[in-house]
């Protein structure tokens, strides 16, 4: 079955979509998830969202996590938040970390920060640098409300190490008092990554730091 899928995939990449579709449909008759999911993508490219939804629902029933994610995206684009959340949850449960990220974003938007943190953690642990920044930010904001301690530092540091400029900048600001030397290095990392405020913040921080001997915090972000 994998060989047949690879042949269909090669035909599609070569531009012979009609022949590829015939092979994908043969595989889909056996409820082969990857073929069902690909037929959904082809349907979307043709402007047939209803057809795509049908293919993806069959792929999801076969356990295809990427199809669940696509169903979540489709529902979101059609302003069906309940269906979007349901499919992102299903995708996250099936191990799709993009679905976990999008679910976390939906939860954050409606104020469910504790559950949003849970799913951002899943995506961040898989290496998503945006999730590292987002989970660090929520943990920082809620650190006094819940028993999160200094976990925000861990995720912002991981994001900074991966070159994510917002993580580097936010951790630098947090470290202006906690660890001034580390703050300077993090500001430099944020500058190198292209953060628009980092250079000015570093200049102000170093001027104040060396003029009166004390670092200052003037608010995050």
C-alpha atoms as a PDB file:
ATOM      1  CA  UNK A   1       0.000   0.000   0.000  1.00  0.00           C
ATOM      2  CA  UNK A   2       2.874   2.380   0.759  1.00  0.00           C
ATOM      3  CA  UNK A   3       4.357   1.704  -2.691  1.00  0.00           C
ATOM      4  CA  UNK A   4       1.059   2.586  -4.332  1.00  0.00           C
ATOM      5  CA  UNK A   5       0.848   5.754  -2.285  1.00  0.00           C
ATOM      6  CA  UNK A   6       4.388   6.703  -3.288  1.00  0.00           C
ATOM      7  CA  UNK A   7       3.492   6.190  -6.959  1.00  0.00           C
ATOM      8  CA  UNK A   8       0.435   8.410  -6.580  1.00  0.00           C
ATOM      9  CA  UNK A   9       2.494  11.010  -4.760  1.00  0.00           C
ATOM     10  CA  UNK A  10       5.094  10.995  -7.534  1.00  0.00           C
ATOM     11  CA  UNK A  11       2.402  11.403 -10.188  1.00  0.00           C
ATOM     12  CA  UNK A  12       0.935  14.393  -8.378  1.00  0.00           C
ATOM     13  CA  UNK A  13       4.356  16.025  -8.048  1.00  0.00           C
ATOM     14  CA  UNK A  14       4.903  15.469 -11.762  1.00  0.00           C
ATOM     15  CA  UNK A  15       1.679  17.314 -12.507  1.00  0.00           C
ATOM     16  CA  UNK A  16      -0.472  14.316 -13.458  1.00  0.00           C
ATOM     17  CA  UNK A  17      -3.130  15.003 -10.837  1.00  0.00           C
ATOM     18  CA  UNK A  18      -5.832  12.993 -12.578  1.00  0.00           C
ATOM     19  CA  UNK A  19      -3.765   9.804 -12.521  1.00  0.00           C
ATOM     20  CA  UNK A  20      -2.707  10.501  -8.929  1.00  0.00           C
ATOM     21  CA  UNK A  21      -6.325  10.948  -7.857  1.00  0.00           C
ATOM     22  CA  UNK A  22      -7.263   7.597  -9.408  1.00  0.00           C
ATOM     23  CA  UNK A  23      -4.549   5.846  -7.392  1.00  0.00           C
ATOM     24  CA  UNK A  24      -5.391   7.740  -4.201  1.00  0.00           C
ATOM     25  CA  UNK A  25      -9.049   6.779  -4.630  1.00  0.00           C
ATOM     26  CA  UNK A  26      -8.115   3.120  -5.038  1.00  0.00           C
ATOM     27  CA  UNK A  27      -6.230   3.338  -1.745  1.00  0.00           C
ATOM     28  CA  UNK A  28      -9.047   5.316  -0.135  1.00  0.00           C
ATOM     29  CA  UNK A  29     -11.418   2.428  -0.858  1.00  0.00           C
ATOM     30  CA  UNK A  30      -9.502   0.556   1.857  1.00  0.00           C
ATOM     31  CA  UNK A  31      -9.808   3.580   4.216  1.00  0.00           C
ATOM     32  CA  UNK A  32      -6.079   4.269   3.975  1.00  0.00           C
ATOM     33  CA  UNK A  33      -5.634   7.445   6.011  1.00  0.00           C
ATOM     34  CA  UNK A  34      -2.789   9.130   4.088  1.00  0.00           C
ATOM     35  CA  UNK A  35      -4.629   8.702   0.766  1.00  0.00           C
ATOM     36  CA  UNK A  36      -7.889   9.988   2.210  1.00  0.00           C
ATOM     37  CA  UNK A  37      -6.074  12.988   3.654  1.00  0.00           C
ATOM     38  CA  UNK A  38      -4.331  13.737   0.347  1.00  0.00           C
ATOM     39  CA  UNK A  39      -7.646  13.610  -1.503  1.00  0.00           C
ATOM     40  CA  UNK A  40      -8.912  16.190   0.969  1.00  0.00           C
ATOM     41  CA  UNK A  41      -5.984  18.473   0.155  1.00  0.00           C
ATOM     42  CA  UNK A  42      -6.621  18.095  -3.565  1.00  0.00           C
ATOM     43  CA  UNK A  43     -10.294  18.922  -3.020  1.00  0.00           C
ATOM     44  CA  UNK A  44      -9.366  22.114  -1.146  1.00  0.00           C
ATOM     45  CA  UNK A  45      -7.009  23.128  -3.935  1.00  0.00           C
ATOM     46  CA  UNK A  46      -9.963  22.781  -6.304  1.00  0.00           C
ATOM     47  CA  UNK A  47     -12.147  24.934  -4.069  1.00  0.00           C
ATOM     48  CA  UNK A  48     -14.305  22.038  -2.859  1.00  0.00           C
ATOM     49  CA  UNK A  49     -14.327  22.483   0.921  1.00  0.00           C
ATOM     50  CA  UNK A  50     -17.322  20.203   1.417  1.00  0.00           C
ATOM     51  CA  UNK A  51     -15.571  17.432  -0.479  1.00  0.00           C
ATOM     52  CA  UNK A  52     -12.388  18.016   1.488  1.00  0.00           C
ATOM     53  CA  UNK A  53     -14.280  17.761   4.753  1.00  0.00           C
ATOM     54  CA  UNK A  54     -15.726  14.408   3.703  1.00  0.00           C
ATOM     55  CA  UNK A  55     -12.315  12.977   2.826  1.00  0.00           C
ATOM     56  CA  UNK A  56     -10.733  14.306   6.014  1.00  0.00           C
ATOM     57  CA  UNK A  57     -13.521  12.964   8.199  1.00  0.00           C
ATOM     58  CA  UNK A  58     -12.912   9.511   6.759  1.00  0.00           C
ATOM     59  CA  UNK A  59      -9.151   9.942   7.289  1.00  0.00           C
ATOM     60  CA  UNK A  60      -9.765  11.066  10.865  1.00  0.00           C
ATOM     61  CA  UNK A  61     -11.934   8.012  11.463  1.00  0.00           C
ATOM     62  CA  UNK A  62      -8.960   5.959  10.275  1.00  0.00           C
ATOM     63  CA  UNK A  63      -6.788   7.697  12.915  1.00  0.00           C
ATOM     64  CA  UNK A  64      -4.948  10.143  10.668  1.00  0.00           C
ATOM     65  CA  UNK A  65      -3.898  13.006  12.974  1.00  0.00           C
ATOM     66  CA  UNK A  66      -3.046  15.472  10.198  1.00  0.00           C
ATOM     67  CA  UNK A  67      -6.588  15.147   8.856  1.00  0.00           C
ATOM     68  CA  UNK A  68      -7.930  16.066  12.296  1.00  0.00           C
ATOM     69  CA  UNK A  69      -5.724  19.153  12.271  1.00  0.00           C
ATOM     70  CA  UNK A  70      -6.963  20.079   8.791  1.00  0.00           C
ATOM     71  CA  UNK A  71     -10.564  19.658   9.900  1.00  0.00           C
ATOM     72  CA  UNK A  72      -9.855  22.021  12.780  1.00  0.00           C
ATOM     73  CA  UNK A  73      -8.406  24.599  10.393  1.00  0.00           C
ATOM     74  CA  UNK A  74     -11.353  24.239   8.028  1.00  0.00           C
ATOM     75  CA  UNK A  75     -13.877  24.678  10.842  1.00  0.00           C
ATOM     76  CA  UNK A  76     -11.986  27.714  12.107  1.00  0.00           C
ATOM     77  CA  UNK A  77     -12.000  29.309   8.640  1.00  0.00           C
ATOM     78  CA  UNK A  78     -15.760  28.741   8.509  1.00  0.00           C
ATOM     79  CA  UNK A  79     -16.351  30.329  11.950  1.00  0.00           C
ATOM     80  CA  UNK A  80     -17.342  27.056  13.620  1.00  0.00           C
ATOM     81  CA  UNK A  81     -15.374  27.332  16.868  1.00  0.00           C
ATOM     82  CA  UNK A  82     -16.960  24.323  18.537  1.00  0.00           C
ATOM     83  CA  UNK A  83     -16.022  22.011  15.677  1.00  0.00           C
ATOM     84  CA  UNK A  84     -12.594  23.608  15.431  1.00  0.00           C
ATOM     85  CA  UNK A  85     -11.872  22.946  19.091  1.00  0.00           C
ATOM     86  CA  UNK A  86     -13.206  19.393  18.842  1.00  0.00           C
ATOM     87  CA  UNK A  87     -10.926  18.529  15.947  1.00  0.00           C
ATOM     88  CA  UNK A  88      -7.873  20.250  17.401  1.00  0.00           C
ATOM     89  CA  UNK A  89      -8.434  18.296  20.616  1.00  0.00           C
ATOM     90  CA  UNK A  90      -8.687  15.069  18.654  1.00  0.00           C
ATOM     91  CA  UNK A  91      -5.537  15.887  16.701  1.00  0.00           C
ATOM     92  CA  UNK A  92      -3.628  16.774  19.861  1.00  0.00           C
ATOM     93  CA  UNK A  93      -4.741  13.524  21.487  1.00  0.00           C
ATOM     94  CA  UNK A  94      -3.500  11.682  18.385  1.00  0.00           C
ATOM     95  CA  UNK A  95      -0.075  13.316  18.733  1.00  0.00           C
ATOM     96  CA  UNK A  96      -0.285  16.235  16.285  1.00  0.00           C
ATOM     97  CA  UNK A  97       1.650  19.046  17.958  1.00  0.00           C
ATOM     98  CA  UNK A  98       0.354  21.688  15.533  1.00  0.00           C
ATOM     99  CA  UNK A  99      -3.149  20.774  16.656  1.00  0.00           C
ATOM    100  CA  UNK A 100      -1.984  21.145  20.261  1.00  0.00           C
ATOM    101  CA  UNK A 101      -0.652  24.633  19.481  1.00  0.00           C
ATOM    102  CA  UNK A 102      -3.858  25.762  17.773  1.00  0.00           C
ATOM    103  CA  UNK A 103      -5.972  24.348  20.580  1.00  0.00           C
ATOM    104  CA  UNK A 104      -3.850  26.228  23.111  1.00  0.00           C
ATOM    105  CA  UNK A 105      -4.348  29.427  21.113  1.00  0.00           C
ATOM    106  CA  UNK A 106      -8.136  28.963  21.105  1.00  0.00           C
ATOM    107  CA  UNK A 107      -8.131  28.316  24.841  1.00  0.00           C
ATOM    108  CA  UNK A 108      -5.944  31.357  25.502  1.00  0.00           C
ATOM    109  CA  UNK A 109      -8.260  33.563  23.467  1.00  0.00           C
ATOM    110  CA  UNK A 110     -11.262  32.620  25.586  1.00  0.00           C
ATOM    111  CA  UNK A 111      -9.370  32.999  28.854  1.00  0.00           C
ATOM    112  CA  UNK A 112      -8.723  29.346  29.736  1.00  0.00           C
ATOM    113  CA  UNK A 113      -5.077  30.012  30.458  1.00  0.00           C
ATOM    114  CA  UNK A 114      -4.383  26.991  32.639  1.00  0.00           C
ATOM    115  CA  UNK A 115      -5.479  24.548  29.955  1.00  0.00           C
ATOM    116  CA  UNK A 116      -3.809  26.673  27.275  1.00  0.00           C
ATOM    117  CA  UNK A 117      -0.534  26.310  29.176  1.00  0.00           C
ATOM    118  CA  UNK A 118      -0.968  22.535  29.167  1.00  0.00           C
ATOM    119  CA  UNK A 119      -1.245  22.340  25.379  1.00  0.00           C
ATOM    120  CA  UNK A 120       1.392  24.977  24.678  1.00  0.00           C
ATOM    121  CA  UNK A 121       3.728  22.837  26.776  1.00  0.00           C
ATOM    122  CA  UNK A 122       3.026  19.873  24.487  1.00  0.00           C
ATOM    123  CA  UNK A 123       3.888  21.881  21.384  1.00  0.00           C
ATOM    124  CA  UNK A 124       6.890  23.547  23.016  1.00  0.00           C
ATOM    125  CA  UNK A 125       8.291  20.215  24.169  1.00  0.00           C
ATOM    126  CA  UNK A 126       8.163  19.099  20.527  1.00  0.00           C
ATOM    127  CA  UNK A 127      10.339  22.068  19.540  1.00  0.00           C
ATOM    128  CA  UNK A 128       7.849  24.752  18.474  1.00  0.00           C
ATOM    129  CA  UNK A 129       9.628  28.027  19.308  1.00  0.00           C
ATOM    130  CA  UNK A 130       6.430  30.097  19.176  1.00  0.00           C
ATOM    131  CA  UNK A 131       4.908  27.758  21.748  1.00  0.00           C
ATOM    132  CA  UNK A 132       8.000  28.219  23.937  1.00  0.00           C
ATOM    133  CA  UNK A 133       7.435  31.970  23.935  1.00  0.00           C
ATOM    134  CA  UNK A 134       3.679  31.684  24.456  1.00  0.00           C
ATOM    135  CA  UNK A 135       3.854  29.229  27.325  1.00  0.00           C
ATOM    136  CA  UNK A 136       6.590  31.280  28.970  1.00  0.00           C
ATOM    137  CA  UNK A 137       4.447  34.392  28.698  1.00  0.00           C
ATOM    138  CA  UNK A 138       1.372  32.755  30.236  1.00  0.00           C
ATOM    139  CA  UNK A 139       3.462  31.203  32.999  1.00  0.00           C
ATOM    140  CA  UNK A 140       5.046  34.580  33.742  1.00  0.00           C
ATOM    141  CA  UNK A 141       1.705  36.383  33.938  1.00  0.00           C
ATOM    142  CA  UNK A 142       0.125  33.683  36.133  1.00  0.00           C
ATOM    143  CA  UNK A 143       3.182  32.857  38.242  1.00  0.00           C
ATOM    144  CA  UNK A 144       1.708  34.525  41.329  1.00  0.00           C
ATOM    145  CA  UNK A 145      -1.782  33.152  40.783  1.00  0.00           C
ATOM    146  CA  UNK A 146      -0.810  29.498  40.473  1.00  0.00           C
ATOM    147  CA  UNK A 147       2.166  27.475  41.628  1.00  0.00           C
ATOM    148  CA  UNK A 148       4.234  27.786  38.441  1.00  0.00           C
ATOM    149  CA  UNK A 149       7.394  29.091  40.096  1.00  0.00           C
ATOM    150  CA  UNK A 150      10.114  30.058  37.636  1.00  0.00           C
ATOM    151  CA  UNK A 151       9.086  27.660  34.864  1.00  0.00           C
ATOM    152  CA  UNK A 152       8.632  30.638  32.539  1.00  0.00           C
ATOM    153  CA  UNK A 153      12.420  31.070  32.543  1.00  0.00           C
ATOM    154  CA  UNK A 154      12.917  27.531  31.260  1.00  0.00           C
ATOM    155  CA  UNK A 155      10.706  28.017  28.213  1.00  0.00           C
ATOM    156  CA  UNK A 156      11.923  31.518  27.376  1.00  0.00           C
ATOM    157  CA  UNK A 157      15.510  30.273  27.681  1.00  0.00           C
ATOM    158  CA  UNK A 158      14.785  27.385  25.338  1.00  0.00           C
ATOM    159  CA  UNK A 159      13.164  29.796  22.907  1.00  0.00           C
ATOM    160  CA  UNK A 160      16.106  32.182  23.146  1.00  0.00           C
ATOM    161  CA  UNK A 161      18.556  29.335  22.572  1.00  0.00           C
ATOM    162  CA  UNK A 162      16.591  28.452  19.435  1.00  0.00           C
ATOM    163  CA  UNK A 163      16.829  32.041  18.145  1.00  0.00           C
ATOM    164  CA  UNK A 164      13.277  33.131  18.974  1.00  0.00           C
ATOM    165  CA  UNK A 165      13.582  36.893  19.456  1.00  0.00           C
ATOM    166  CA  UNK A 166      10.551  37.464  21.679  1.00  0.00           C
ATOM    167  CA  UNK A 167      11.706  34.834  24.164  1.00  0.00           C
ATOM    168  CA  UNK A 168      15.188  36.355  24.289  1.00  0.00           C
ATOM    169  CA  UNK A 169      13.828  39.879  24.757  1.00  0.00           C
ATOM    170  CA  UNK A 170      11.261  38.932  27.412  1.00  0.00           C
ATOM    171  CA  UNK A 171      13.772  36.944  29.428  1.00  0.00           C
ATOM    172  CA  UNK A 172      16.269  39.807  29.143  1.00  0.00           C
ATOM    173  CA  UNK A 173      13.724  42.230  30.605  1.00  0.00           C
ATOM    174  CA  UNK A 174      12.909  39.796  33.416  1.00  0.00           C
ATOM    175  CA  UNK A 175      16.633  39.410  34.138  1.00  0.00           C
ATOM    176  CA  UNK A 176      17.408  43.140  34.332  1.00  0.00           C
ATOM    177  CA  UNK A 177      17.172  42.874  38.119  1.00  0.00           C
ATOM    178  CA  UNK A 178      17.599  39.118  38.603  1.00  0.00           C
ATOM    179  CA  UNK A 179      20.786  38.694  36.558  1.00  0.00           C
ATOM    180  CA  UNK A 180      22.040  41.875  34.823  1.00  0.00           C
ATOM    181  CA  UNK A 181      24.920  40.151  33.013  1.00  0.00           C
ATOM    182  CA  UNK A 182      22.586  37.545  31.568  1.00  0.00           C
ATOM    183  CA  UNK A 183      20.165  40.307  30.605  1.00  0.00           C
ATOM    184  CA  UNK A 184      22.818  42.007  28.498  1.00  0.00           C
ATOM    185  CA  UNK A 185      23.620  38.786  26.651  1.00  0.00           C
ATOM    186  CA  UNK A 186      19.947  38.071  26.056  1.00  0.00           C
ATOM    187  CA  UNK A 187      19.339  41.588  24.725  1.00  0.00           C
ATOM    188  CA  UNK A 188      22.223  41.011  22.320  1.00  0.00           C
ATOM    189  CA  UNK A 189      20.655  37.730  21.244  1.00  0.00           C
ATOM    190  CA  UNK A 190      17.323  39.485  20.701  1.00  0.00           C
ATOM    191  CA  UNK A 191      19.058  42.166  18.620  1.00  0.00           C
ATOM    192  CA  UNK A 192      20.759  39.505  16.504  1.00  0.00           C
ATOM    193  CA  UNK A 193      17.386  37.812  15.990  1.00  0.00           C
ATOM    194  CA  UNK A 194      15.834  41.085  14.838  1.00  0.00           C
ATOM    195  CA  UNK A 195      13.708  42.243  17.776  1.00  0.00           C
ATOM    196  CA  UNK A 196      12.748  45.870  17.033  1.00  0.00           C
ATOM    197  CA  UNK A 197      12.935  47.106  20.638  1.00  0.00           C
ATOM    198  CA  UNK A 198      15.951  45.213  21.917  1.00  0.00           C
ATOM    199  CA  UNK A 199      18.693  47.634  20.880  1.00  0.00           C
ATOM    200  CA  UNK A 200      17.004  50.636  22.459  1.00  0.00           C
ATOM    201  CA  UNK A 201      16.167  48.722  25.610  1.00  0.00           C
ATOM    202  CA  UNK A 202      19.734  47.503  25.946  1.00  0.00           C
ATOM    203  CA  UNK A 203      21.092  51.032  25.532  1.00  0.00           C
ATOM    204  CA  UNK A 204      18.710  52.415  28.162  1.00  0.00           C
ATOM    205  CA  UNK A 205      19.409  49.533  30.513  1.00  0.00           C
ATOM    206  CA  UNK A 206      23.188  49.803  30.327  1.00  0.00           C
ATOM    207  CA  UNK A 207      23.109  53.611  30.689  1.00  0.00           C
ATOM    208  CA  UNK A 208      20.966  53.435  33.827  1.00  0.00           C
ATOM    209  CA  UNK A 209      22.828  50.457  35.166  1.00  0.00           C
ATOM    210  CA  UNK A 210      26.226  52.101  35.026  1.00  0.00           C
ATOM    211  CA  UNK A 211      25.095  55.633  35.883  1.00  0.00           C
ATOM    212  CA  UNK A 212      23.587  54.840  39.272  1.00  0.00           C
ATOM    213  CA  UNK A 213      24.757  51.283  39.900  1.00  0.00           C
ATOM    214  CA  UNK A 214      21.271  49.790  39.880  1.00  0.00           C
ATOM    215  CA  UNK A 215      19.359  48.052  37.081  1.00  0.00           C
ATOM    216  CA  UNK A 216      15.762  49.070  36.448  1.00  0.00           C
ATOM    217  CA  UNK A 217      12.658  47.356  35.128  1.00  0.00           C
ATOM    218  CA  UNK A 218      10.153  49.539  33.303  1.00  0.00           C
ATOM    219  CA  UNK A 219       7.590  46.888  32.337  1.00  0.00           C
ATOM    220  CA  UNK A 220       7.737  43.817  30.182  1.00  0.00           C
ATOM    221  CA  UNK A 221       7.282  43.383  26.451  1.00  0.00           C
END
